Full PDB file with SEQRES, HELIX, SHEET, SSBOND, CRYST1, ORIGX, SCALE, CONECT and MASTER records, all heavy atoms in Angstrom:
SEQRES   1 A   37  TYR PHE CYS SER SER LYS HIS ASP CYS GLN LEU ALA GLU          
SEQRES   2 A   37  LYS TYR GLY HIS ALA GLY MET ALA ARG LEU LEU ALA THR          
SEQRES   3 A   37  GLY ILE THR GLY LYS PRO ILE LYS ASP ILE SER                  
HELIX    1 AA1 LYS A    6  THR A   29  1                                  24    
CRYST1    1.000    1.000    1.000  90.00  90.00  90.00 P 1           1          
ORIGX1      1.000000  0.000000  0.000000        0.00000                         
ORIGX2      0.000000  1.000000  0.000000        0.00000                         
ORIGX3      0.000000  0.000000  1.000000        0.00000                         
SCALE1      1.000000  0.000000  0.000000        0.00000                         
SCALE2      0.000000  1.000000  0.000000        0.00000                         
SCALE3      0.000000  0.000000  1.000000        0.00000                         
ATOM      1  N   TYR A   1       8.366   0.149 -10.814  1.00  0.00           N  
ATOM      2  CA  TYR A   1       7.313   0.137 -11.786  1.00  0.00           C  
ATOM      3  C   TYR A   1       6.096   0.919 -11.323  1.00  0.00           C  
ATOM      4  O   TYR A   1       6.211   1.461 -10.136  1.00  0.00           O  
ATOM      5  CB  TYR A   1       6.854  -1.276 -12.179  1.00  0.00           C  
ATOM      6  CG  TYR A   1       6.276  -2.055 -11.012  1.00  0.00           C  
ATOM      7  CD1 TYR A   1       4.909  -2.146 -10.773  1.00  0.00           C  
ATOM      8  CD2 TYR A   1       7.068  -2.907 -10.156  1.00  0.00           C  
ATOM      9  CE1 TYR A   1       4.380  -2.862  -9.794  1.00  0.00           C  
ATOM     10  CE2 TYR A   1       6.596  -3.607  -9.092  1.00  0.00           C  
ATOM     11  CZ  TYR A   1       5.256  -3.568  -8.888  1.00  0.00           C  
ATOM     12  OH  TYR A   1       4.624  -4.340  -7.879  1.00  0.00           O  
ATOM     13  N   PHE A   2       5.128   1.135 -12.100  1.00  0.00           N  
ATOM     14  CA  PHE A   2       4.021   1.979 -11.675  1.00  0.00           C  
ATOM     15  C   PHE A   2       2.925   1.039 -11.022  1.00  0.00           C  
ATOM     16  O   PHE A   2       2.370   0.177 -11.738  1.00  0.00           O  
ATOM     17  CB  PHE A   2       3.384   2.690 -12.821  1.00  0.00           C  
ATOM     18  CG  PHE A   2       4.206   3.946 -13.205  1.00  0.00           C  
ATOM     19  CD1 PHE A   2       5.447   3.867 -13.912  1.00  0.00           C  
ATOM     20  CD2 PHE A   2       3.652   5.139 -12.891  1.00  0.00           C  
ATOM     21  CE1 PHE A   2       6.047   4.987 -14.215  1.00  0.00           C  
ATOM     22  CE2 PHE A   2       4.351   6.384 -13.168  1.00  0.00           C  
ATOM     23  CZ  PHE A   2       5.601   6.308 -13.824  1.00  0.00           C  
ATOM     24  N   CYS A   3       2.549   1.411  -9.825  1.00  0.00           N  
ATOM     25  CA  CYS A   3       1.477   0.616  -9.211  1.00  0.00           C  
ATOM     26  C   CYS A   3       0.110   1.053  -9.763  1.00  0.00           C  
ATOM     27  O   CYS A   3      -0.895   0.367  -9.650  1.00  0.00           O  
ATOM     28  CB  CYS A   3       1.451   0.805  -7.702  1.00  0.00           C  
ATOM     29  SG  CYS A   3       1.078   2.468  -7.117  1.00  0.00           S  
ATOM     30  N   SER A   4       0.061   2.137 -10.586  1.00  0.00           N  
ATOM     31  CA  SER A   4      -1.156   2.602 -11.242  1.00  0.00           C  
ATOM     32  C   SER A   4      -1.264   2.016 -12.644  1.00  0.00           C  
ATOM     33  O   SER A   4      -2.233   2.357 -13.368  1.00  0.00           O  
ATOM     34  CB  SER A   4      -1.093   4.236 -11.274  1.00  0.00           C  
ATOM     35  OG  SER A   4       0.138   4.572 -11.920  1.00  0.00           O  
ATOM     36  N   SER A   5      -0.306   1.214 -13.073  1.00  0.00           N  
ATOM     37  CA  SER A   5      -0.371   0.590 -14.416  1.00  0.00           C  
ATOM     38  C   SER A   5      -0.689  -0.869 -14.272  1.00  0.00           C  
ATOM     39  O   SER A   5       0.034  -1.653 -13.730  1.00  0.00           O  
ATOM     40  CB  SER A   5       1.015   0.778 -15.088  1.00  0.00           C  
ATOM     41  OG  SER A   5       1.160  -0.136 -16.226  1.00  0.00           O  
ATOM     42  N   LYS A   6      -1.815  -1.237 -14.953  1.00  0.00           N  
ATOM     43  CA  LYS A   6      -2.170  -2.693 -14.832  1.00  0.00           C  
ATOM     44  C   LYS A   6      -1.136  -3.528 -15.542  1.00  0.00           C  
ATOM     45  O   LYS A   6      -0.770  -4.652 -15.092  1.00  0.00           O  
ATOM     46  CB  LYS A   6      -3.533  -2.867 -15.486  1.00  0.00           C  
ATOM     47  CG  LYS A   6      -4.136  -4.226 -15.345  1.00  0.00           C  
ATOM     48  CD  LYS A   6      -5.575  -4.258 -15.867  1.00  0.00           C  
ATOM     49  CE  LYS A   6      -6.226  -5.593 -15.655  1.00  0.00           C  
ATOM     50  NZ  LYS A   6      -7.619  -5.645 -16.153  1.00  0.00           N  
ATOM     51  N   HIS A   7      -0.660  -3.039 -16.646  1.00  0.00           N  
ATOM     52  CA  HIS A   7       0.497  -3.781 -17.383  1.00  0.00           C  
ATOM     53  C   HIS A   7       1.661  -3.981 -16.527  1.00  0.00           C  
ATOM     54  O   HIS A   7       2.191  -5.170 -16.427  1.00  0.00           O  
ATOM     55  CB  HIS A   7       0.853  -3.041 -18.629  1.00  0.00           C  
ATOM     56  CG  HIS A   7       2.024  -3.616 -19.332  1.00  0.00           C  
ATOM     57  ND1 HIS A   7       3.295  -3.144 -19.082  1.00  0.00           N  
ATOM     58  CD2 HIS A   7       2.150  -4.527 -20.261  1.00  0.00           C  
ATOM     59  CE1 HIS A   7       4.186  -3.887 -19.831  1.00  0.00           C  
ATOM     60  NE2 HIS A   7       3.466  -4.696 -20.620  1.00  0.00           N  
ATOM     61  N   ASP A   8       2.164  -2.951 -15.834  1.00  0.00           N  
ATOM     62  CA  ASP A   8       3.352  -3.099 -14.997  1.00  0.00           C  
ATOM     63  C   ASP A   8       3.127  -4.059 -13.844  1.00  0.00           C  
ATOM     64  O   ASP A   8       3.949  -4.898 -13.524  1.00  0.00           O  
ATOM     65  CB  ASP A   8       3.722  -1.769 -14.424  1.00  0.00           C  
ATOM     66  CG  ASP A   8       4.711  -1.043 -15.293  1.00  0.00           C  
ATOM     67  OD1 ASP A   8       5.052  -1.446 -16.413  1.00  0.00           O  
ATOM     68  OD2 ASP A   8       5.175   0.094 -14.874  1.00  0.00           O  
ATOM     69  N   CYS A   9       1.982  -3.989 -13.210  1.00  0.00           N  
ATOM     70  CA  CYS A   9       1.722  -4.829 -12.104  1.00  0.00           C  
ATOM     71  C   CYS A   9       1.517  -6.320 -12.493  1.00  0.00           C  
ATOM     72  O   CYS A   9       2.036  -7.203 -11.797  1.00  0.00           O  
ATOM     73  CB  CYS A   9       0.421  -4.417 -11.419  1.00  0.00           C  
ATOM     74  SG  CYS A   9       0.564  -2.773 -10.562  1.00  0.00           S  
ATOM     75  N   GLN A  10       0.992  -6.562 -13.715  1.00  0.00           N  
ATOM     76  CA  GLN A  10       0.859  -7.894 -14.166  1.00  0.00           C  
ATOM     77  C   GLN A  10       2.290  -8.476 -14.516  1.00  0.00           C  
ATOM     78  O   GLN A  10       2.540  -9.615 -14.246  1.00  0.00           O  
ATOM     79  CB  GLN A  10      -0.022  -8.007 -15.463  1.00  0.00           C  
ATOM     80  CG  GLN A  10      -1.429  -7.754 -15.157  1.00  0.00           C  
ATOM     81  CD  GLN A  10      -2.361  -7.724 -16.364  1.00  0.00           C  
ATOM     82  OE1 GLN A  10      -1.861  -7.356 -17.587  1.00  0.00           O  
ATOM     83  NE2 GLN A  10      -3.682  -8.014 -16.298  1.00  0.00           N  
ATOM     84  N   LEU A  11       3.103  -7.624 -15.041  1.00  0.00           N  
ATOM     85  CA  LEU A  11       4.493  -8.067 -15.301  1.00  0.00           C  
ATOM     86  C   LEU A  11       5.319  -8.323 -14.005  1.00  0.00           C  
ATOM     87  O   LEU A  11       6.004  -9.393 -13.939  1.00  0.00           O  
ATOM     88  CB  LEU A  11       5.240  -6.990 -16.058  1.00  0.00           C  
ATOM     89  CG  LEU A  11       6.583  -7.279 -16.735  1.00  0.00           C  
ATOM     90  CD1 LEU A  11       6.586  -8.576 -17.566  1.00  0.00           C  
ATOM     91  CD2 LEU A  11       7.151  -6.145 -17.534  1.00  0.00           C  
ATOM     92  N   ALA A  12       5.109  -7.504 -12.982  1.00  0.00           N  
ATOM     93  CA  ALA A  12       5.787  -7.744 -11.704  1.00  0.00           C  
ATOM     94  C   ALA A  12       5.190  -9.030 -11.082  1.00  0.00           C  
ATOM     95  O   ALA A  12       5.961  -9.867 -10.480  1.00  0.00           O  
ATOM     96  CB  ALA A  12       5.526  -6.532 -10.826  1.00  0.00           C  
ATOM     97  N   GLU A  13       3.934  -9.282 -11.224  1.00  0.00           N  
ATOM     98  CA  GLU A  13       3.332 -10.516 -10.672  1.00  0.00           C  
ATOM     99  C   GLU A  13       3.880 -11.718 -11.314  1.00  0.00           C  
ATOM    100  O   GLU A  13       4.072 -12.819 -10.717  1.00  0.00           O  
ATOM    101  CB  GLU A  13       1.797 -10.489 -10.866  1.00  0.00           C  
ATOM    102  CG  GLU A  13       1.113  -9.518  -9.914  1.00  0.00           C  
ATOM    103  CD  GLU A  13      -0.278  -9.258 -10.241  1.00  0.00           C  
ATOM    104  OE1 GLU A  13      -0.881  -9.993 -11.162  1.00  0.00           O  
ATOM    105  OE2 GLU A  13      -0.918  -8.382  -9.686  1.00  0.00           O  
ATOM    106  N   LYS A  14       4.159 -11.660 -12.677  1.00  0.00           N  
ATOM    107  CA  LYS A  14       4.848 -12.737 -13.444  1.00  0.00           C  
ATOM    108  C   LYS A  14       6.170 -13.186 -12.737  1.00  0.00           C  
ATOM    109  O   LYS A  14       6.401 -14.378 -12.701  1.00  0.00           O  
ATOM    110  CB  LYS A  14       5.079 -12.283 -14.817  1.00  0.00           C  
ATOM    111  CG  LYS A  14       5.834 -13.307 -15.676  1.00  0.00           C  
ATOM    112  CD  LYS A  14       6.186 -12.676 -17.010  1.00  0.00           C  
ATOM    113  CE  LYS A  14       7.179 -13.589 -17.787  1.00  0.00           C  
ATOM    114  NZ  LYS A  14       7.561 -13.004 -19.134  1.00  0.00           N  
ATOM    115  N   TYR A  15       6.876 -12.183 -12.303  1.00  0.00           N  
ATOM    116  CA  TYR A  15       8.207 -12.607 -11.645  1.00  0.00           C  
ATOM    117  C   TYR A  15       8.044 -12.854 -10.158  1.00  0.00           C  
ATOM    118  O   TYR A  15       8.894 -13.497  -9.655  1.00  0.00           O  
ATOM    119  CB  TYR A  15       9.216 -11.382 -11.963  1.00  0.00           C  
ATOM    120  CG  TYR A  15       9.635 -11.356 -13.360  1.00  0.00           C  
ATOM    121  CD1 TYR A  15       9.015 -10.398 -14.216  1.00  0.00           C  
ATOM    122  CD2 TYR A  15      10.574 -12.213 -13.890  1.00  0.00           C  
ATOM    123  CE1 TYR A  15       9.417 -10.358 -15.542  1.00  0.00           C  
ATOM    124  CE2 TYR A  15      10.949 -12.111 -15.261  1.00  0.00           C  
ATOM    125  CZ  TYR A  15      10.371 -11.260 -16.067  1.00  0.00           C  
ATOM    126  OH  TYR A  15      10.651 -11.196 -17.393  1.00  0.00           O  
ATOM    127  N   GLY A  16       7.068 -12.283  -9.534  1.00  0.00           N  
ATOM    128  CA  GLY A  16       6.914 -12.442  -8.145  1.00  0.00           C  
ATOM    129  C   GLY A  16       7.989 -11.640  -7.367  1.00  0.00           C  
ATOM    130  O   GLY A  16       8.900 -11.085  -7.881  1.00  0.00           O  
ATOM    131  N   HIS A  17       7.852 -11.707  -6.030  1.00  0.00           N  
ATOM    132  CA  HIS A  17       8.787 -10.899  -5.184  1.00  0.00           C  
ATOM    133  C   HIS A  17      10.166 -11.409  -5.301  1.00  0.00           C  
ATOM    134  O   HIS A  17      11.179 -10.615  -5.327  1.00  0.00           O  
ATOM    135  CB  HIS A  17       8.327 -10.926  -3.673  1.00  0.00           C  
ATOM    136  CG  HIS A  17       6.978 -10.352  -3.519  1.00  0.00           C  
ATOM    137  ND1 HIS A  17       5.990 -10.981  -2.825  1.00  0.00           N  
ATOM    138  CD2 HIS A  17       6.372  -9.223  -3.947  1.00  0.00           C  
ATOM    139  CE1 HIS A  17       4.865 -10.237  -2.757  1.00  0.00           C  
ATOM    140  NE2 HIS A  17       5.152  -9.194  -3.489  1.00  0.00           N  
ATOM    141  N   ALA A  18      10.369 -12.753  -5.392  1.00  0.00           N  
ATOM    142  CA  ALA A  18      11.738 -13.374  -5.504  1.00  0.00           C  
ATOM    143  C   ALA A  18      12.326 -12.949  -6.811  1.00  0.00           C  
ATOM    144  O   ALA A  18      13.530 -12.622  -6.931  1.00  0.00           O  
ATOM    145  CB  ALA A  18      11.623 -14.860  -5.300  1.00  0.00           C  
ATOM    146  N   GLY A  19      11.479 -12.950  -7.843  1.00  0.00           N  
ATOM    147  CA  GLY A  19      12.009 -12.669  -9.208  1.00  0.00           C  
ATOM    148  C   GLY A  19      12.379 -11.190  -9.320  1.00  0.00           C  
ATOM    149  O   GLY A  19      13.477 -10.872  -9.975  1.00  0.00           O  
ATOM    150  N   MET A  20      11.591 -10.366  -8.796  1.00  0.00           N  
ATOM    151  CA  MET A  20      11.981  -8.907  -8.769  1.00  0.00           C  
ATOM    152  C   MET A  20      13.249  -8.647  -8.010  1.00  0.00           C  
ATOM    153  O   MET A  20      14.099  -7.807  -8.348  1.00  0.00           O  
ATOM    154  CB  MET A  20      10.743  -8.069  -8.195  1.00  0.00           C  
ATOM    155  CG  MET A  20       9.479  -8.100  -9.022  1.00  0.00           C  
ATOM    156  SD  MET A  20       9.691  -7.363 -10.608  1.00  0.00           S  
ATOM    157  CE  MET A  20       9.608  -5.663 -10.182  1.00  0.00           C  
ATOM    158  N   ALA A  21      13.375  -9.304  -6.914  1.00  0.00           N  
ATOM    159  CA  ALA A  21      14.564  -9.199  -6.122  1.00  0.00           C  
ATOM    160  C   ALA A  21      15.858  -9.674  -6.904  1.00  0.00           C  
ATOM    161  O   ALA A  21      16.928  -9.080  -6.872  1.00  0.00           O  
ATOM    162  CB  ALA A  21      14.521 -10.012  -4.787  1.00  0.00           C  
ATOM    163  N   ARG A  22      15.584 -10.736  -7.739  1.00  0.00           N  
ATOM    164  CA  ARG A  22      16.720 -11.259  -8.500  1.00  0.00           C  
ATOM    165  C   ARG A  22      17.191 -10.208  -9.564  1.00  0.00           C  
ATOM    166  O   ARG A  22      18.349 -10.091  -9.889  1.00  0.00           O  
ATOM    167  CB  ARG A  22      16.387 -12.559  -9.184  1.00  0.00           C  
ATOM    168  CG  ARG A  22      16.382 -13.735  -8.295  1.00  0.00           C  
ATOM    169  CD  ARG A  22      16.402 -15.087  -9.062  1.00  0.00           C  
ATOM    170  NE  ARG A  22      15.230 -15.215  -9.871  1.00  0.00           N  
ATOM    171  CZ  ARG A  22      14.107 -15.678  -9.489  1.00  0.00           C  
ATOM    172  NH1 ARG A  22      13.921 -16.011  -8.203  1.00  0.00           N  
ATOM    173  NH2 ARG A  22      13.013 -15.710 -10.341  1.00  0.00           N  
ATOM    174  N   LEU A  23      16.129  -9.507 -10.111  1.00  0.00           N  
ATOM    175  CA  LEU A  23      16.495  -8.453 -11.160  1.00  0.00           C  
ATOM    176  C   LEU A  23      17.362  -7.334 -10.514  1.00  0.00           C  
ATOM    177  O   LEU A  23      18.364  -6.940 -11.060  1.00  0.00           O  
ATOM    178  CB  LEU A  23      15.234  -7.882 -11.720  1.00  0.00           C  
ATOM    179  CG  LEU A  23      14.327  -8.764 -12.540  1.00  0.00           C  
ATOM    180  CD1 LEU A  23      13.081  -8.100 -13.027  1.00  0.00           C  
ATOM    181  CD2 LEU A  23      15.117  -9.304 -13.798  1.00  0.00           C  
ATOM    182  N   LEU A  24      16.945  -6.923  -9.344  1.00  0.00           N  
ATOM    183  CA  LEU A  24      17.735  -5.874  -8.551  1.00  0.00           C  
ATOM    184  C   LEU A  24      19.080  -6.395  -8.250  1.00  0.00           C  
ATOM    185  O   LEU A  24      20.102  -5.663  -8.392  1.00  0.00           O  
ATOM    186  CB  LEU A  24      16.937  -5.485  -7.362  1.00  0.00           C  
ATOM    187  CG  LEU A  24      15.633  -4.692  -7.534  1.00  0.00           C  
ATOM    188  CD1 LEU A  24      14.753  -4.683  -6.280  1.00  0.00           C  
ATOM    189  CD2 LEU A  24      15.871  -3.300  -8.023  1.00  0.00           C  
ATOM    190  N   ALA A  25      19.122  -7.622  -7.749  1.00  0.00           N  
ATOM    191  CA  ALA A  25      20.395  -8.255  -7.333  1.00  0.00           C  
ATOM    192  C   ALA A  25      21.380  -8.367  -8.467  1.00  0.00           C  
ATOM    193  O   ALA A  25      22.576  -8.210  -8.363  1.00  0.00           O  
ATOM    194  CB  ALA A  25      20.248  -9.552  -6.623  1.00  0.00           C  
ATOM    195  N   THR A  26      20.783  -8.703  -9.684  1.00  0.00           N  
ATOM    196  CA  THR A  26      21.631  -8.755 -10.925  1.00  0.00           C  
ATOM    197  C   THR A  26      22.288  -7.435 -11.214  1.00  0.00           C  
ATOM    198  O   THR A  26      23.464  -7.346 -11.556  1.00  0.00           O  
ATOM    199  CB  THR A  26      20.763  -9.198 -12.100  1.00  0.00           C  
ATOM    200  OG1 THR A  26      20.307 -10.513 -11.857  1.00  0.00           O  
ATOM    201  CG2 THR A  26      21.569  -9.204 -13.383  1.00  0.00           C  
ATOM    202  N   GLY A  27      21.568  -6.357 -11.066  1.00  0.00           N  
ATOM    203  CA  GLY A  27      22.148  -5.049 -11.284  1.00  0.00           C  
ATOM    204  C   GLY A  27      23.147  -4.645 -10.205  1.00  0.00           C  
ATOM    205  O   GLY A  27      24.122  -4.007 -10.516  1.00  0.00           O  
ATOM    206  N   ILE A  28      22.906  -5.010  -8.985  1.00  0.00           N  
ATOM    207  CA  ILE A  28      23.754  -4.613  -7.906  1.00  0.00           C  
ATOM    208  C   ILE A  28      25.084  -5.420  -7.963  1.00  0.00           C  
ATOM    209  O   ILE A  28      26.204  -4.825  -7.761  1.00  0.00           O  
ATOM    210  CB  ILE A  28      23.095  -4.742  -6.497  1.00  0.00           C  
ATOM    211  CG1 ILE A  28      21.980  -3.729  -6.396  1.00  0.00           C  
ATOM    212  CG2 ILE A  28      24.092  -4.610  -5.342  1.00  0.00           C  
ATOM    213  CD1 ILE A  28      21.034  -4.029  -5.251  1.00  0.00           C  
ATOM    214  N   THR A  29      25.008  -6.691  -8.221  1.00  0.00           N  
ATOM    215  CA  THR A  29      26.149  -7.579  -8.181  1.00  0.00           C  
ATOM    216  C   THR A  29      26.895  -7.520  -9.517  1.00  0.00           C  
ATOM    217  O   THR A  29      28.156  -7.780  -9.659  1.00  0.00           O  
ATOM    218  CB  THR A  29      25.827  -9.025  -7.882  1.00  0.00           C  
ATOM    219  OG1 THR A  29      25.011  -9.545  -8.944  1.00  0.00           O  
ATOM    220  CG2 THR A  29      25.112  -9.120  -6.525  1.00  0.00           C  
ATOM    221  N   GLY A  30      26.237  -7.219 -10.543  1.00  0.00           N  
ATOM    222  CA  GLY A  30      26.787  -7.247 -11.924  1.00  0.00           C  
ATOM    223  C   GLY A  30      26.968  -8.653 -12.457  1.00  0.00           C  
ATOM    224  O   GLY A  30      27.752  -8.815 -13.444  1.00  0.00           O  
ATOM    225  N   LYS A  31      26.229  -9.616 -11.981  1.00  0.00           N  
ATOM    226  CA  LYS A  31      26.313 -10.993 -12.475  1.00  0.00           C  
ATOM    227  C   LYS A  31      24.926 -11.651 -12.321  1.00  0.00           C  
ATOM    228  O   LYS A  31      24.084 -11.256 -11.530  1.00  0.00           O  
ATOM    229  CB  LYS A  31      27.349 -11.795 -11.650  1.00  0.00           C  
ATOM    230  CG  LYS A  31      27.002 -11.860 -10.167  1.00  0.00           C  
ATOM    231  CD  LYS A  31      28.193 -12.629  -9.453  1.00  0.00           C  
ATOM    232  CE  LYS A  31      27.885 -12.695  -7.916  1.00  0.00           C  
ATOM    233  NZ  LYS A  31      28.955 -13.258  -7.228  1.00  0.00           N  
ATOM    234  N   PRO A  32      24.658 -12.661 -13.236  1.00  0.00           N  
ATOM    235  CA  PRO A  32      23.405 -13.347 -13.162  1.00  0.00           C  
ATOM    236  C   PRO A  32      23.209 -13.982 -11.734  1.00  0.00           C  
ATOM    237  O   PRO A  32      24.126 -14.494 -11.190  1.00  0.00           O  
ATOM    238  CB  PRO A  32      23.471 -14.375 -14.214  1.00  0.00           C  
ATOM    239  CG  PRO A  32      24.532 -13.892 -15.179  1.00  0.00           C  
ATOM    240  CD  PRO A  32      25.466 -13.145 -14.272  1.00  0.00           C  
ATOM    241  N   ILE A  33      21.998 -13.901 -11.249  1.00  0.00           N  
ATOM    242  CA  ILE A  33      21.674 -14.455  -9.928  1.00  0.00           C  
ATOM    243  C   ILE A  33      20.877 -15.806 -10.183  1.00  0.00           C  
ATOM    244  O   ILE A  33      19.892 -15.860 -10.812  1.00  0.00           O  
ATOM    245  CB  ILE A  33      20.858 -13.529  -9.129  1.00  0.00           C  
ATOM    246  CG1 ILE A  33      21.564 -12.204  -8.917  1.00  0.00           C  
ATOM    247  CG2 ILE A  33      20.445 -14.192  -7.737  1.00  0.00           C  
ATOM    248  CD1 ILE A  33      22.909 -12.310  -8.105  1.00  0.00           C  
ATOM    249  N   LYS A  34      21.448 -16.902  -9.591  1.00  0.00           N  
ATOM    250  CA  LYS A  34      20.821 -18.157  -9.691  1.00  0.00           C  
ATOM    251  C   LYS A  34      19.957 -18.494  -8.469  1.00  0.00           C  
ATOM    252  O   LYS A  34      20.374 -18.168  -7.381  1.00  0.00           O  
ATOM    253  CB  LYS A  34      21.812 -19.272 -10.026  1.00  0.00           C  
ATOM    254  CG  LYS A  34      22.627 -19.017 -11.265  1.00  0.00           C  
ATOM    255  CD  LYS A  34      23.641 -20.145 -11.530  1.00  0.00           C  
ATOM    256  CE  LYS A  34      24.409 -19.906 -12.787  1.00  0.00           C  
ATOM    257  NZ  LYS A  34      25.465 -21.013 -13.076  1.00  0.00           N  
ATOM    258  N   ASP A  35      18.884 -19.233  -8.681  1.00  0.00           N  
ATOM    259  CA  ASP A  35      18.046 -19.616  -7.542  1.00  0.00           C  
ATOM    260  C   ASP A  35      18.707 -20.728  -6.813  1.00  0.00           C  
ATOM    261  O   ASP A  35      19.512 -21.490  -7.286  1.00  0.00           O  
ATOM    262  CB  ASP A  35      16.652 -20.195  -8.065  1.00  0.00           C  
ATOM    263  CG  ASP A  35      15.724 -19.027  -8.461  1.00  0.00           C  
ATOM    264  OD1 ASP A  35      15.846 -17.949  -7.869  1.00  0.00           O  
ATOM    265  OD2 ASP A  35      14.945 -19.220  -9.288  1.00  0.00           O  
ATOM    266  N   ILE A  36      18.390 -20.812  -5.469  1.00  0.00           N  
ATOM    267  CA  ILE A  36      18.732 -21.984  -4.703  1.00  0.00           C  
ATOM    268  C   ILE A  36      17.442 -22.534  -4.186  1.00  0.00           C  
ATOM    269  O   ILE A  36      16.699 -21.919  -3.412  1.00  0.00           O  
ATOM    270  CB  ILE A  36      19.650 -21.622  -3.575  1.00  0.00           C  
ATOM    271  CG1 ILE A  36      20.944 -21.010  -4.085  1.00  0.00           C  
ATOM    272  CG2 ILE A  36      19.904 -22.787  -2.673  1.00  0.00           C  
ATOM    273  CD1 ILE A  36      21.942 -20.642  -2.950  1.00  0.00           C  
ATOM    274  N   SER A  37      17.135 -23.687  -4.617  1.00  0.00           N  
ATOM    275  CA  SER A  37      15.833 -24.357  -4.156  1.00  0.00           C  
ATOM    276  C   SER A  37      16.100 -25.939  -4.312  1.00  0.00           C  
ATOM    277  O   SER A  37      17.154 -26.412  -4.513  1.00  0.00           O  
ATOM    278  CB  SER A  37      14.685 -23.930  -5.048  1.00  0.00           C  
ATOM    279  OG  SER A  37      14.990 -24.258  -6.419  1.00  0.00           O  
TER     280      SER A  37                                                      
MASTER        0    0    0    1    0    0    0    6  279    1    0    3          
END                                                                             
């Protein structure tokens, strides 16, 4: 995303680092990623 875009940064903050990692992992694995907590 664009670090120069307030909208993008707010959207990334909504998901947090763990959520952004899950989006990437979903693409890499080809399957939904479930949390473990």
